[in-house]
Amino acid sequence: MKQILVTGGAGFIGSHLCARLLEEGNYVICLDNYFTGSVNNILHLEKNPYFELVRHDITSPYSAEINEIYNLACPASPVYYQVDPIQTVKTSVMGAINMLGLAKRKKAKILEASTSEVYGDPFEHPQTESYWGNVNPIGPRSCYDEGKRCAETLFMDYHRQNDVRVKIIRIFNTYGPCMSPNDGRVVSNFIVQALQNKDITIYGDGTQTRSFQYVDDLIEGMVRMMNTGDDFTGPVNIGNPGEFSMLELAELIIKLTGTKSKIVFRPLPGDDPKQRKPDISLAKEKLGGWEPNIALEDGLKETIKYFRTII
């Protein structure tokens, strides 16, 4: 039985990961400070004797006997990470240092949940792992984007300098049950507005694109990445190469919810990327043929079903 630490384990993605790791027969320590995570996401896991919940902020050191670490802790949407941008940077950078230090001491393997935001507003489309990105280092999104870029740097330096076994994945837009209705992400925003029969707000002209992957596909890629050989560090794009405009997404959600909502347009926020689409060739090659299996419409139906229970 492996002992696995999941930071940010009560969050949207972390809670799904904890459930998957428990299903596989592991002992799971879920670490979260509940800034964006919620105990409601992991309540169904608490009766499992191999599940341990710890309230903790990874900007402070933590120690436990573990074999693997999944480092997911960090607010991931502008609504949350711009509340306290300094703390966001600390979470990415100091959190990475603390978790890498723990991995070094315990000789554990550690995975960094990085982000497609390291590519910024890309000139290369679709984005490959070799692309260095186009990121504003001093803008309102920089606390998150540059924090994650620095975390990737730290992971590679701990690997080269201290032989820590590291893995880096770059997560593209992900959606599914356990998303917060207030996180400001486009999928949750549109669904909540539709279910409340409010106007669906599109920022910009609706032509900017994103690639949406269902959370189950992400978790599968994440676990496969952790199980690769020590000689493979990544980074690896984990995302769905299907590309949709904001307008297409809004129209699909209107259709699936049967809402009376109308679409309205607002000015685009600063530094918002115009396009996002992963090249997943490397993931297919290194992760046993991994690719997303769940179509956007099918995933949205499950997500809408979840939101109907909480709104």
C-alpha atoms as a PDB file:
ATOM      1  CA  MET A   1       0.000   0.000   0.000  1.00  0.00           C
ATOM      2  CA  LYS A   2       1.411   3.386  -1.026  1.00  0.00           C
ATOM      3  CA  GLN A   3       1.056   6.392   1.261  1.00  0.00           C
ATOM      4  CA  ILE A   4       0.169   9.367  -0.916  1.00  0.00           C
ATOM      5  CA  LEU A   5      -0.077  13.053  -0.039  1.00  0.00           C
ATOM      6  CA  VAL A   6      -2.460  15.213  -2.079  1.00  0.00           C
ATOM      7  CA  THR A   7      -2.103  18.960  -1.485  1.00  0.00           C
ATOM      8  CA  GLY A   8      -5.248  20.862  -2.401  1.00  0.00           C
ATOM      9  CA  GLY A   9      -7.051  17.561  -1.908  1.00  0.00           C
ATOM     10  CA  ALA A  10     -10.401  19.123  -0.956  1.00  0.00           C
ATOM     11  CA  GLY A  11     -10.499  21.172  -4.140  1.00  0.00           C
ATOM     12  CA  PHE A  12     -12.366  20.446  -7.355  1.00  0.00           C
ATOM     13  CA  ILE A  13      -9.649  18.322  -8.981  1.00  0.00           C
ATOM     14  CA  GLY A  14      -8.021  17.174  -5.741  1.00  0.00           C
ATOM     15  CA  SER A  15     -11.213  15.571  -4.418  1.00  0.00           C
ATOM     16  CA  HIS A  16     -11.586  13.483  -7.592  1.00  0.00           C
ATOM     17  CA  LEU A  17      -7.928  12.466  -7.346  1.00  0.00           C
ATOM     18  CA  CYS A  18      -8.283  11.423  -3.677  1.00  0.00           C
ATOM     19  CA  ALA A  19     -11.272   9.241  -4.582  1.00  0.00           C
ATOM     20  CA  ARG A  20      -9.377   7.586  -7.436  1.00  0.00           C
ATOM     21  CA  LEU A  21      -6.288   6.880  -5.292  1.00  0.00           C
ATOM     22  CA  LEU A  22      -8.431   5.368  -2.515  1.00  0.00           C
ATOM     23  CA  GLU A  23     -10.200   3.153  -5.063  1.00  0.00           C
ATOM     24  CA  GLU A  24      -6.781   1.840  -6.065  1.00  0.00           C
ATOM     25  CA  GLY A  25      -6.088   0.777  -2.469  1.00  0.00           C
ATOM     26  CA  ASN A  26      -3.744   3.556  -1.339  1.00  0.00           C
ATOM     27  CA  TYR A  27      -3.535   5.418   1.966  1.00  0.00           C
ATOM     28  CA  VAL A  28      -4.312   9.060   1.152  1.00  0.00           C
ATOM     29  CA  ILE A  29      -3.453  12.160   3.175  1.00  0.00           C
ATOM     30  CA  CYS A  30      -5.556  15.081   1.955  1.00  0.00           C
ATOM     31  CA  LEU A  31      -3.996  18.454   2.777  1.00  0.00           C
ATOM     32  CA  ASP A  32      -6.034  21.644   2.297  1.00  0.00           C
ATOM     33  CA  ASN A  33      -6.468  25.080   3.864  1.00  0.00           C
ATOM     34  CA  TYR A  34     -10.036  25.429   2.459  1.00  0.00           C
ATOM     35  CA  PHE A  35      -9.390  28.755   0.737  1.00  0.00           C
ATOM     36  CA  THR A  36     -10.936  27.406  -2.465  1.00  0.00           C
ATOM     37  CA  GLY A  37     -11.421  23.759  -1.468  1.00  0.00           C
ATOM     38  CA  SER A  38     -14.439  22.557   0.482  1.00  0.00           C
ATOM     39  CA  VAL A  39     -14.909  19.818   3.035  1.00  0.00           C
ATOM     40  CA  ASN A  40     -18.155  19.010   1.208  1.00  0.00           C
ATOM     41  CA  ASN A  41     -16.084  17.707  -1.718  1.00  0.00           C
ATOM     42  CA  ILE A  42     -14.491  14.986   0.401  1.00  0.00           C
ATOM     43  CA  LEU A  43     -17.193  14.219   3.014  1.00  0.00           C
ATOM     44  CA  HIS A  44     -18.009  10.956   1.256  1.00  0.00           C
ATOM     45  CA  LEU A  45     -14.394   9.827   1.704  1.00  0.00           C
ATOM     46  CA  GLU A  46     -14.068  10.446   5.447  1.00  0.00           C
ATOM     47  CA  LYS A  47     -15.464   7.059   6.487  1.00  0.00           C
ATOM     48  CA  ASN A  48     -12.679   5.320   4.578  1.00  0.00           C
ATOM     49  CA  PRO A  49     -10.076   4.192   7.167  1.00  0.00           C
ATOM     50  CA  TYR A  50      -7.286   4.866   4.667  1.00  0.00           C
ATOM     51  CA  PHE A  51      -8.239   8.525   4.233  1.00  0.00           C
ATOM     52  CA  GLU A  52      -6.721  11.237   6.430  1.00  0.00           C
ATOM     53  CA  LEU A  53      -7.783  14.885   6.262  1.00  0.00           C
ATOM     54  CA  VAL A  54      -5.384  17.599   7.455  1.00  0.00           C
ATOM     55  CA  ARG A  55      -6.089  21.334   7.481  1.00  0.00           C
ATOM     56  CA  HIS A  56      -2.818  22.971   6.494  1.00  0.00           C
ATOM     57  CA  ASP A  57      -1.382  25.715   4.264  1.00  0.00           C
ATOM     58  CA  ILE A  58       1.576  24.486   2.205  1.00  0.00           C
ATOM     59  CA  THR A  59       3.360  27.829   2.539  1.00  0.00           C
ATOM     60  CA  SER A  60       4.312  26.367   5.944  1.00  0.00           C
ATOM     61  CA  PRO A  61       6.420  23.178   6.118  1.00  0.00           C
ATOM     62  CA  TYR A  62       4.662  19.852   6.572  1.00  0.00           C
ATOM     63  CA  SER A  63       6.008  16.376   7.246  1.00  0.00           C
ATOM     64  CA  ALA A  64       4.569  12.873   6.936  1.00  0.00           C
ATOM     65  CA  GLU A  65       5.716   9.426   5.938  1.00  0.00           C
ATOM     66  CA  ILE A  66       4.795   9.275   2.262  1.00  0.00           C
ATOM     67  CA  ASN A  67       5.799   7.575  -0.994  1.00  0.00           C
ATOM     68  CA  GLU A  68       4.244  10.018  -3.452  1.00  0.00           C
ATOM     69  CA  ILE A  69       3.077  13.638  -3.491  1.00  0.00           C
ATOM     70  CA  TYR A  70       0.567  15.208  -5.866  1.00  0.00           C
ATOM     71  CA  ASN A  71       1.034  18.976  -5.483  1.00  0.00           C
ATOM     72  CA  LEU A  72      -2.276  20.568  -6.520  1.00  0.00           C
ATOM     73  CA  ALA A  73      -2.627  23.313  -3.896  1.00  0.00           C
ATOM     74  CA  CYS A  74      -3.151  26.747  -5.452  1.00  0.00           C
ATOM     75  CA  PRO A  75      -6.183  28.874  -6.338  1.00  0.00           C
ATOM     76  CA  ALA A  76      -6.610  28.407 -10.076  1.00  0.00           C
ATOM     77  CA  SER A  77      -9.183  30.956 -11.234  1.00  0.00           C
ATOM     78  CA  PRO A  78      -8.756  34.744 -11.385  1.00  0.00           C
ATOM     79  CA  VAL A  79     -11.705  35.297  -9.025  1.00  0.00           C
ATOM     80  CA  TYR A  80      -9.740  33.519  -6.292  1.00  0.00           C
ATOM     81  CA  TYR A  81      -6.077  34.046  -7.118  1.00  0.00           C
ATOM     82  CA  GLN A  82      -6.458  37.812  -7.548  1.00  0.00           C
ATOM     83  CA  VAL A  83      -7.976  38.205  -4.057  1.00  0.00           C
ATOM     84  CA  ASP A  84      -4.479  37.966  -2.550  1.00  0.00           C
ATOM     85  CA  PRO A  85      -1.928  37.835  -5.372  1.00  0.00           C
ATOM     86  CA  ILE A  86       1.050  37.789  -3.002  1.00  0.00           C
ATOM     87  CA  GLN A  87      -0.339  34.723  -1.248  1.00  0.00           C
ATOM     88  CA  THR A  88      -0.958  33.115  -4.654  1.00  0.00           C
ATOM     89  CA  VAL A  89       2.726  33.498  -5.547  1.00  0.00           C
ATOM     90  CA  LYS A  90       3.712  32.178  -2.110  1.00  0.00           C
ATOM     91  CA  THR A  91       1.502  29.126  -2.564  1.00  0.00           C
ATOM     92  CA  SER A  92       3.096  28.258  -5.905  1.00  0.00           C
ATOM     93  CA  VAL A  93       6.698  29.053  -4.948  1.00  0.00           C
ATOM     94  CA  MET A  94       7.034  28.454  -1.196  1.00  0.00           C
ATOM     95  CA  GLY A  95       4.576  25.588  -1.446  1.00  0.00           C
ATOM     96  CA  ALA A  96       6.719  23.958  -4.123  1.00  0.00           C
ATOM     97  CA  ILE A  97       9.860  24.438  -2.015  1.00  0.00           C
ATOM     98  CA  ASN A  98       8.197  22.874   1.037  1.00  0.00           C
ATOM     99  CA  MET A  99       6.796  19.906  -0.876  1.00  0.00           C
ATOM    100  CA  LEU A 100      10.027  19.329  -2.811  1.00  0.00           C
ATOM    101  CA  GLY A 101      11.927  19.435   0.471  1.00  0.00           C
ATOM    102  CA  LEU A 102       9.571  16.808   1.874  1.00  0.00           C
ATOM    103  CA  ALA A 103      10.004  14.656  -1.239  1.00  0.00           C
ATOM    104  CA  LYS A 104      13.786  14.981  -0.915  1.00  0.00           C
ATOM    105  CA  ARG A 105      13.799  13.957   2.757  1.00  0.00           C
ATOM    106  CA  LYS A 106      11.412  11.027   2.287  1.00  0.00           C
ATOM    107  CA  LYS A 107      12.799   9.966  -1.127  1.00  0.00           C
ATOM    108  CA  ALA A 108       9.282  10.294  -2.478  1.00  0.00           C
ATOM    109  CA  LYS A 109       8.144  10.911  -6.031  1.00  0.00           C
ATOM    110  CA  ILE A 110       6.359  14.241  -6.557  1.00  0.00           C
ATOM    111  CA  LEU A 111       4.053  15.539  -9.286  1.00  0.00           C
ATOM    112  CA  GLU A 112       3.450  19.232  -9.934  1.00  0.00           C
ATOM    113  CA  ALA A 113       0.017  20.188 -11.245  1.00  0.00           C
ATOM    114  CA  SER A 114       1.173  23.034 -13.470  1.00  0.00           C
ATOM    115  CA  THR A 115      -1.019  24.802 -15.967  1.00  0.00           C
ATOM    116  CA  SER A 116      -1.496  25.761 -19.592  1.00  0.00           C
ATOM    117  CA  GLU A 117      -1.261  29.345 -18.304  1.00  0.00           C
ATOM    118  CA  VAL A 118       2.540  28.966 -18.460  1.00  0.00           C
ATOM    119  CA  TYR A 119       2.028  29.515 -22.205  1.00  0.00           C
ATOM    120  CA  GLY A 120       0.345  32.882 -21.544  1.00  0.00           C
ATOM    121  CA  ASP A 121      -1.308  34.392 -24.608  1.00  0.00           C
ATOM    122  CA  PRO A 122       0.426  32.057 -27.069  1.00  0.00           C
ATOM    123  CA  PHE A 123       1.846  32.816 -30.481  1.00  0.00           C
ATOM    124  CA  GLU A 124       2.200  29.067 -31.107  1.00  0.00           C
ATOM    125  CA  HIS A 125      -1.033  27.185 -31.764  1.00  0.00           C
ATOM    126  CA  PRO A 126      -1.631  24.458 -30.730  1.00  0.00           C
ATOM    127  CA  GLN A 127       0.808  24.620 -27.817  1.00  0.00           C
ATOM    128  CA  THR A 128       3.587  22.016 -27.523  1.00  0.00           C
ATOM    129  CA  GLU A 129       5.649  21.434 -24.390  1.00  0.00           C
ATOM    130  CA  SER A 130       8.711  22.934 -26.091  1.00  0.00           C
ATOM    131  CA  TYR A 131       6.988  26.334 -26.448  1.00  0.00           C
ATOM    132  CA  TRP A 132       8.305  28.820 -23.864  1.00  0.00           C
ATOM    133  CA  GLY A 133       5.165  30.934 -23.816  1.00  0.00           C
ATOM    134  CA  ASN A 134       4.185  34.595 -23.977  1.00  0.00           C
ATOM    135  CA  VAL A 135       3.494  35.678 -20.402  1.00  0.00           C
ATOM    136  CA  ASN A 136       3.169  39.174 -18.967  1.00  0.00           C
ATOM    137  CA  PRO A 137       5.343  39.154 -15.797  1.00  0.00           C
ATOM    138  CA  ILE A 138       3.691  42.242 -14.251  1.00  0.00           C
ATOM    139  CA  GLY A 139      -0.012  41.928 -15.099  1.00  0.00           C
ATOM    140  CA  PRO A 140      -3.044  41.008 -12.968  1.00  0.00           C
ATOM    141  CA  ARG A 141      -2.723  37.307 -13.918  1.00  0.00           C
ATOM    142  CA  SER A 142       1.032  37.170 -13.317  1.00  0.00           C
ATOM    143  CA  CYS A 143       0.751  36.011  -9.702  1.00  0.00           C
ATOM    144  CA  TYR A 144      -0.658  32.729 -10.989  1.00  0.00           C
ATOM    145  CA  ASP A 145       1.054  32.371 -14.372  1.00  0.00           C
ATOM    146  CA  GLU A 146       4.543  33.293 -13.201  1.00  0.00           C
ATOM    147  CA  GLY A 147       4.090  31.473  -9.898  1.00  0.00           C
ATOM    148  CA  LYS A 148       3.481  28.247 -11.802  1.00  0.00           C
ATOM    149  CA  ARG A 149       6.405  28.920 -14.136  1.00  0.00           C
ATOM    150  CA  CYS A 150       8.652  29.378 -11.110  1.00  0.00           C
ATOM    151  CA  ALA A 151       7.308  26.159  -9.567  1.00  0.00           C
ATOM    152  CA  GLU A 152       8.284  24.273 -12.738  1.00  0.00           C
ATOM    153  CA  THR A 153      11.771  25.793 -12.455  1.00  0.00           C
ATOM    154  CA  LEU A 154      12.066  24.635  -8.853  1.00  0.00           C
ATOM    155  CA  PHE A 155      10.938  21.115  -9.731  1.00  0.00           C
ATOM    156  CA  MET A 156      13.564  20.783 -12.432  1.00  0.00           C
ATOM    157  CA  ASP A 157      16.289  22.281 -10.221  1.00  0.00           C
ATOM    158  CA  TYR A 158      15.504  19.902  -7.343  1.00  0.00           C
ATOM    159  CA  HIS A 159      15.636  17.065  -9.872  1.00  0.00           C
ATOM    160  CA  ARG A 160      18.972  18.109 -11.382  1.00  0.00           C
ATOM    161  CA  GLN A 161      20.642  19.226  -8.145  1.00  0.00           C
ATOM    162  CA  ASN A 162      19.169  16.818  -5.573  1.00  0.00           C
ATOM    163  CA  ASP A 163      17.987  13.846  -7.683  1.00  0.00           C
ATOM    164  CA  VAL A 164      14.384  14.287  -6.546  1.00  0.00           C
ATOM    165  CA  ARG A 165      12.052  12.207  -8.704  1.00  0.00           C
ATOM    166  CA  VAL A 166       9.727  14.797 -10.244  1.00  0.00           C
ATOM    167  CA  LYS A 167       6.832  14.871 -12.708  1.00  0.00           C
ATOM    168  CA  ILE A 168       5.291  17.981 -14.281  1.00  0.00           C
ATOM    169  CA  ILE A 169       1.935  18.119 -16.034  1.00  0.00           C
ATOM    170  CA  ARG A 170       0.378  21.188 -17.640  1.00  0.00           C
ATOM    171  CA  ILE A 171      -3.368  21.108 -17.097  1.00  0.00           C
ATOM    172  CA  PHE A 172      -5.659  22.688 -19.673  1.00  0.00           C
ATOM    173  CA  ASN A 173      -9.182  23.905 -18.881  1.00  0.00           C
ATOM    174  CA  THR A 174     -10.943  21.226 -16.850  1.00  0.00           C
ATOM    175  CA  TYR A 175     -14.571  21.003 -15.750  1.00  0.00           C
ATOM    176  CA  GLY A 176     -16.883  18.583 -13.959  1.00  0.00           C
ATOM    177  CA  PRO A 177     -18.737  17.908 -10.693  1.00  0.00           C
ATOM    178  CA  CYS A 178     -17.369  19.590  -7.536  1.00  0.00           C
ATOM    179  CA  MET A 179     -16.527  22.812  -9.359  1.00  0.00           C
ATOM    180  CA  SER A 180     -17.346  25.827  -7.215  1.00  0.00           C
ATOM    181  CA  PRO A 181     -20.323  27.817  -8.528  1.00  0.00           C
ATOM    182  CA  ASN A 182     -18.494  31.040  -7.610  1.00  0.00           C
ATOM    183  CA  ASP A 183     -15.048  30.408  -9.068  1.00  0.00           C
ATOM    184  CA  GLY A 184     -15.515  32.549 -12.151  1.00  0.00           C
ATOM    185  CA  ARG A 185     -14.437  29.846 -14.599  1.00  0.00           C
ATOM    186  CA  VAL A 186     -16.256  30.003 -17.876  1.00  0.00           C
ATOM    187  CA  VAL A 187     -18.000  26.591 -17.625  1.00  0.00           C
ATOM    188  CA  SER A 188     -19.304  27.125 -14.092  1.00  0.00           C
ATOM    189  CA  ASN A 189     -20.231  30.749 -14.863  1.00  0.00           C
ATOM    190  CA  PHE A 190     -22.272  29.812 -17.913  1.00  0.00           C
ATOM    191  CA  ILE A 191     -24.006  26.873 -16.206  1.00  0.00           C
ATOM    192  CA  VAL A 192     -24.931  28.841 -13.082  1.00  0.00           C
ATOM    193  CA  GLN A 193     -26.240  31.765 -15.142  1.00  0.00           C
ATOM    194  CA  ALA A 194     -28.231  29.368 -17.344  1.00  0.00           C
ATOM    195  CA  LEU A 195     -29.785  27.490 -14.429  1.00  0.00           C
ATOM    196  CA  GLN A 196     -30.795  30.796 -12.845  1.00  0.00           C
ATOM    197  CA  ASN A 197     -32.184  32.083 -16.171  1.00  0.00           C
ATOM    198  CA  LYS A 198     -29.816  35.039 -16.017  1.00  0.00           C
ATOM    199  CA  ASP A 199     -28.005  36.551 -18.979  1.00  0.00           C
ATOM    200  CA  ILE A 200     -24.958  34.505 -19.976  1.00  0.00           C
ATOM    201  CA  THR A 201     -21.975  36.828 -19.896  1.00  0.00           C
ATOM    202  CA  ILE A 202     -19.299  36.491 -22.575  1.00  0.00           C
ATOM    203  CA  TYR A 203     -16.200  38.636 -22.147  1.00  0.00           C
ATOM    204  CA  GLY A 204     -14.891  39.841 -25.499  1.00  0.00           C
ATOM    205  CA  ASP A 205     -16.609  39.008 -28.782  1.00  0.00           C
ATOM    206  CA  GLY A 206     -16.909  35.278 -28.070  1.00  0.00           C
ATOM    207  CA  THR A 207     -14.353  34.184 -30.672  1.00  0.00           C
ATOM    208  CA  GLN A 208     -11.591  33.417 -28.160  1.00  0.00           C
ATOM    209  CA  THR A 209     -11.132  29.660 -27.800  1.00  0.00           C
ATOM    210  CA  ARG A 210     -10.501  27.130 -25.055  1.00  0.00           C
ATOM    211  CA  SER A 211     -10.073  23.366 -24.935  1.00  0.00           C
ATOM    212  CA  PHE A 212     -12.235  21.731 -22.277  1.00  0.00           C
ATOM    213  CA  GLN A 213     -11.464  18.358 -20.690  1.00  0.00           C
ATOM    214  CA  TYR A 214     -13.704  16.457 -18.304  1.00  0.00           C
ATOM    215  CA  VAL A 215     -12.159  15.885 -14.886  1.00  0.00           C
ATOM    216  CA  ASP A 216     -12.121  12.061 -15.200  1.00  0.00           C
ATOM    217  CA  ASP A 217      -9.866  12.313 -18.253  1.00  0.00           C
ATOM    218  CA  LEU A 218      -7.482  14.590 -16.361  1.00  0.00           C
ATOM    219  CA  ILE A 219      -7.288  12.249 -13.353  1.00  0.00           C
ATOM    220  CA  GLU A 220      -6.468   9.315 -15.627  1.00  0.00           C
ATOM    221  CA  GLY A 221      -3.642  11.283 -17.258  1.00  0.00           C
ATOM    222  CA  MET A 222      -2.364  12.480 -13.890  1.00  0.00           C
ATOM    223  CA  VAL A 223      -2.151   8.967 -12.414  1.00  0.00           C
ATOM    224  CA  ARG A 224      -0.511   7.606 -15.555  1.00  0.00           C
ATOM    225  CA  MET A 225       2.073  10.379 -15.390  1.00  0.00           C
ATOM    226  CA  MET A 226       2.939   9.579 -11.775  1.00  0.00           C
ATOM    227  CA  ASN A 227       3.456   5.938 -12.765  1.00  0.00           C
ATOM    228  CA  THR A 228       5.946   6.652 -15.562  1.00  0.00           C
ATOM    229  CA  GLY A 229       9.619   5.772 -15.123  1.00  0.00           C
ATOM    230  CA  ASP A 230      11.922   8.013 -13.109  1.00  0.00           C
ATOM    231  CA  ASP A 231      13.775   9.061 -16.265  1.00  0.00           C
ATOM    232  CA  PHE A 232      10.704  10.915 -17.575  1.00  0.00           C
ATOM    233  CA  THR A 233       9.971  14.244 -15.853  1.00  0.00           C
ATOM    234  CA  GLY A 234       7.769  15.983 -18.384  1.00  0.00           C
ATOM    235  CA  PRO A 235       6.374  18.560 -18.682  1.00  0.00           C
ATOM    236  CA  VAL A 236       3.403  16.971 -20.409  1.00  0.00           C
ATOM    237  CA  ASN A 237       0.242  18.658 -21.668  1.00  0.00           C
ATOM    238  CA  ILE A 238      -2.913  17.079 -20.218  1.00  0.00           C
ATOM    239  CA  GLY A 239      -5.879  18.528 -22.036  1.00  0.00           C
ATOM    240  CA  ASN A 240      -8.491  17.983 -24.705  1.00  0.00           C
ATOM    241  CA  PRO A 241      -7.408  19.087 -28.196  1.00  0.00           C
ATOM    242  CA  GLY A 242     -11.020  19.763 -29.139  1.00  0.00           C
ATOM    243  CA  GLU A 243     -11.246  23.554 -29.482  1.00  0.00           C
ATOM    244  CA  PHE A 244     -14.410  25.587 -28.854  1.00  0.00           C
ATOM    245  CA  SER A 245     -15.138  29.300 -28.920  1.00  0.00           C
ATOM    246  CA  MET A 246     -16.814  30.950 -25.948  1.00  0.00           C
ATOM    247  CA  LEU A 247     -19.878  31.524 -28.106  1.00  0.00           C
ATOM    248  CA  GLU A 248     -20.089  27.827 -29.051  1.00  0.00           C
ATOM    249  CA  LEU A 249     -19.817  26.835 -25.376  1.00  0.00           C
ATOM    250  CA  ALA A 250     -22.543  29.273 -24.329  1.00  0.00           C
ATOM    251  CA  GLU A 251     -24.900  28.066 -27.065  1.00  0.00           C
ATOM    252  CA  LEU A 252     -24.325  24.414 -26.104  1.00  0.00           C
ATOM    253  CA  ILE A 253     -25.069  25.109 -22.431  1.00  0.00           C
ATOM    254  CA  ILE A 254     -28.244  26.992 -23.379  1.00  0.00           C
ATOM    255  CA  LYS A 255     -29.333  23.948 -25.392  1.00  0.00           C
ATOM    256  CA  LEU A 256     -28.520  21.422 -22.636  1.00  0.00           C
ATOM    257  CA  THR A 257     -30.146  23.380 -19.799  1.00  0.00           C
ATOM    258  CA  GLY A 258     -33.219  24.552 -21.715  1.00  0.00           C
ATOM    259  CA  THR A 259     -32.723  27.995 -20.180  1.00  0.00           C
ATOM    260  CA  LYS A 260     -34.405  31.225 -21.223  1.00  0.00           C
ATOM    261  CA  SER A 261     -31.071  33.033 -20.806  1.00  0.00           C
ATOM    262  CA  LYS A 262     -29.788  35.431 -23.439  1.00  0.00           C
ATOM    263  CA  ILE A 263     -26.120  35.996 -24.317  1.00  0.00           C
ATOM    264  CA  VAL A 264     -24.619  39.388 -23.474  1.00  0.00           C
ATOM    265  CA  PHE A 265     -21.119  40.675 -24.200  1.00  0.00           C
ATOM    266  CA  ARG A 266     -18.738  42.539 -21.869  1.00  0.00           C
ATOM    267  CA  PRO A 267     -15.198  43.927 -22.329  1.00  0.00           C
ATOM    268  CA  LEU A 268     -12.379  41.351 -22.211  1.00  0.00           C
ATOM    269  CA  PRO A 269     -10.270  41.381 -18.997  1.00  0.00           C
ATOM    270  CA  GLY A 270      -6.552  42.211 -19.219  1.00  0.00           C
ATOM    271  CA  ASP A 271      -4.120  39.512 -20.402  1.00  0.00           C
ATOM    272  CA  ASP A 272      -6.918  37.058 -21.174  1.00  0.00           C
ATOM    273  CA  PRO A 273      -5.545  34.538 -23.733  1.00  0.00           C
ATOM    274  CA  LYS A 274      -7.186  34.617 -27.150  1.00  0.00           C
ATOM    275  CA  GLN A 275      -6.672  30.930 -27.845  1.00  0.00           C
ATOM    276  CA  ARG A 276      -5.773  27.735 -26.051  1.00  0.00           C
ATOM    277  CA  LYS A 277      -5.341  24.231 -27.480  1.00  0.00           C
ATOM    278  CA  PRO A 278      -2.949  21.486 -26.366  1.00  0.00           C
ATOM    279  CA  ASP A 279      -0.785  19.342 -28.573  1.00  0.00           C
ATOM    280  CA  ILE A 280      -1.062  15.983 -26.757  1.00  0.00           C
ATOM    281  CA  SER A 281       1.354  13.965 -28.915  1.00  0.00           C
ATOM    282  CA  LEU A 282       3.784  13.579 -26.013  1.00  0.00           C
ATOM    283  CA  ALA A 283       1.040  12.409 -23.631  1.00  0.00           C
ATOM    284  CA  LYS A 284      -0.084   9.794 -26.146  1.00  0.00           C
ATOM    285  CA  GLU A 285       3.499   8.587 -26.556  1.00  0.00           C
ATOM    286  CA  LYS A 286       4.559   8.526 -22.902  1.00  0.00           C
ATOM    287  CA  LEU A 287       1.312   7.818 -21.041  1.00  0.00           C
ATOM    288  CA  GLY A 288       0.252   4.574 -22.681  1.00  0.00           C
ATOM    289  CA  GLY A 289      -1.808   6.144 -25.449  1.00  0.00           C
ATOM    290  CA  TRP A 290      -3.662   8.499 -23.093  1.00  0.00           C
ATOM    291  CA  GLU A 291      -6.185  10.808 -24.686  1.00  0.00           C
ATOM    292  CA  PRO A 292      -9.489  12.310 -23.534  1.00  0.00           C
ATOM    293  CA  ASN A 293     -12.475   9.988 -23.958  1.00  0.00           C
ATOM    294  CA  ILE A 294     -15.381  12.141 -22.797  1.00  0.00           C
ATOM    295  CA  ALA A 295     -17.002  14.452 -25.338  1.00  0.00           C
ATOM    296  CA  LEU A 296     -17.827  18.005 -24.282  1.00  0.00           C
ATOM    297  CA  GLU A 297     -21.592  17.517 -24.518  1.00  0.00           C
ATOM    298  CA  ASP A 298     -21.486  14.347 -22.381  1.00  0.00           C
ATOM    299  CA  GLY A 299     -19.276  15.960 -19.754  1.00  0.00           C
ATOM    300  CA  LEU A 300     -21.438  19.071 -19.620  1.00  0.00           C
ATOM    301  CA  LYS A 301     -24.548  16.945 -18.986  1.00  0.00           C
ATOM    302  CA  GLU A 302     -22.893  15.443 -15.885  1.00  0.00           C
ATOM    303  CA  THR A 303     -21.683  18.851 -14.730  1.00  0.00           C
ATOM    304  CA  ILE A 304     -25.108  20.453 -15.194  1.00  0.00           C
ATOM    305  CA  LYS A 305     -26.654  17.563 -13.242  1.00  0.00           C
ATOM    306  CA  TYR A 306     -24.242  18.316 -10.359  1.00  0.00           C
ATOM    307  CA  PHE A 307     -24.962  22.052 -10.397  1.00  0.00           C
ATOM    308  CA  ARG A 308     -28.718  21.412 -10.274  1.00  0.00           C
ATOM    309  CA  THR A 309     -28.150  19.764  -6.868  1.00  0.00           C
ATOM    310  CA  ILE A 310     -26.347  22.753  -5.332  1.00  0.00           C
ATOM    311  CA  ILE A 311     -28.102  25.793  -6.829  1.00  0.00           C
END
